[in-house]
Amino acid sequence: MKKSIAMNGQIATAAQEQSSITEEINRNISSISDISNQTASGAEQSSAASHK
């Protein structure tokens, strides 16, 4: 019984860690998307300026 309780605790801890890592990955992907959008916007502005 004690072994089962200990395993349940380990599983819960691992699930929390995975959730935390997933949230961090989501934040990083969002940051990458924002940077990509900024880069695309800057490229469009540079292109427009060079055609003037």
C-alpha atoms as a PDB file:
ATOM      1  CA  MET A   1       0.000   0.000   0.000  1.00  0.00           C
ATOM      2  CA  LYS A   2       2.799   2.428   0.874  1.00  0.00           C
ATOM      3  CA  LYS A   3       4.494   1.637  -2.443  1.00  0.00           C
ATOM      4  CA  SER A   4       1.274   2.417  -4.313  1.00  0.00           C
ATOM      5  CA  ILE A   5       0.886   5.751  -2.499  1.00  0.00           C
ATOM      6  CA  ALA A   6       4.503   6.627  -3.264  1.00  0.00           C
ATOM      7  CA  MET A   7       4.024   5.786  -6.933  1.00  0.00           C
ATOM      8  CA  ASN A   8       0.870   7.895  -7.095  1.00  0.00           C
ATOM      9  CA  GLY A   9       2.824  10.808  -5.647  1.00  0.00           C
ATOM     10  CA  GLN A  10       5.575  10.361  -8.232  1.00  0.00           C
ATOM     11  CA  ILE A  11       3.026  10.220 -11.044  1.00  0.00           C
ATOM     12  CA  ALA A  12       1.343  13.398  -9.789  1.00  0.00           C
ATOM     13  CA  THR A  13       4.693  15.174  -9.553  1.00  0.00           C
ATOM     14  CA  ALA A  14       5.662  14.068 -13.050  1.00  0.00           C
ATOM     15  CA  ALA A  15       2.313  15.255 -14.419  1.00  0.00           C
ATOM     16  CA  GLN A  16       2.810  18.674 -12.817  1.00  0.00           C
ATOM     17  CA  GLU A  17       6.306  18.919 -14.270  1.00  0.00           C
ATOM     18  CA  GLN A  18       5.036  17.979 -17.739  1.00  0.00           C
ATOM     19  CA  SER A  19       2.298  20.573 -17.475  1.00  0.00           C
ATOM     20  CA  SER A  20       4.809  23.225 -16.476  1.00  0.00           C
ATOM     21  CA  ILE A  21       7.104  22.329 -19.363  1.00  0.00           C
ATOM     22  CA  THR A  22       4.181  22.366 -21.795  1.00  0.00           C
ATOM     23  CA  GLU A  23       3.240  25.865 -20.620  1.00  0.00           C
ATOM     24  CA  GLU A  24       6.838  27.004 -21.102  1.00  0.00           C
ATOM     25  CA  ILE A  25       6.919  25.545 -24.616  1.00  0.00           C
ATOM     26  CA  ASN A  26       3.662  27.348 -25.437  1.00  0.00           C
ATOM     27  CA  ARG A  27       5.113  30.653 -24.194  1.00  0.00           C
ATOM     28  CA  ASN A  28       8.258  30.111 -26.258  1.00  0.00           C
ATOM     29  CA  ILE A  29       6.274  29.291 -29.392  1.00  0.00           C
ATOM     30  CA  SER A  30       4.200  32.412 -28.865  1.00  0.00           C
ATOM     31  CA  SER A  31       7.388  34.472 -28.515  1.00  0.00           C
ATOM     32  CA  ILE A  32       8.811  32.944 -31.694  1.00  0.00           C
ATOM     33  CA  SER A  33       5.585  33.771 -33.519  1.00  0.00           C
ATOM     34  CA  ASP A  34       5.708  37.370 -32.291  1.00  0.00           C
ATOM     35  CA  ILE A  35       9.339  37.739 -33.381  1.00  0.00           C
ATOM     36  CA  SER A  36       8.540  36.217 -36.780  1.00  0.00           C
ATOM     37  CA  ASN A  37       5.691  38.666 -37.262  1.00  0.00           C
ATOM     38  CA  GLN A  38       7.930  41.584 -36.292  1.00  0.00           C
ATOM     39  CA  THR A  39      10.602  40.386 -38.711  1.00  0.00           C
ATOM     40  CA  ALA A  40       8.072  40.043 -41.538  1.00  0.00           C
ATOM     41  CA  SER A  41       6.732  43.511 -40.822  1.00  0.00           C
ATOM     42  CA  GLY A  42      10.240  44.953 -40.849  1.00  0.00           C
ATOM     43  CA  ALA A  43      11.007  43.204 -44.135  1.00  0.00           C
ATOM     44  CA  GLU A  44       7.835  44.623 -45.689  1.00  0.00           C
ATOM     45  CA  GLN A  45       8.773  48.117 -44.522  1.00  0.00           C
ATOM     46  CA  SER A  46      12.287  47.741 -45.902  1.00  0.00           C
ATOM     47  CA  SER A  47      10.943  46.491 -49.201  1.00  0.00           C
ATOM     48  CA  ALA A  48       8.456  49.360 -49.444  1.00  0.00           C
ATOM     49  CA  ALA A  49      11.157  51.893 -48.613  1.00  0.00           C
ATOM     50  CA  SER A  50      13.534  50.494 -51.230  1.00  0.00           C
ATOM     51  CA  HIS A  51      10.866  50.775 -53.936  1.00  0.00           C
ATOM     52  CA  LYS A  52      10.365  54.494 -53.331  1.00  0.00           C
END
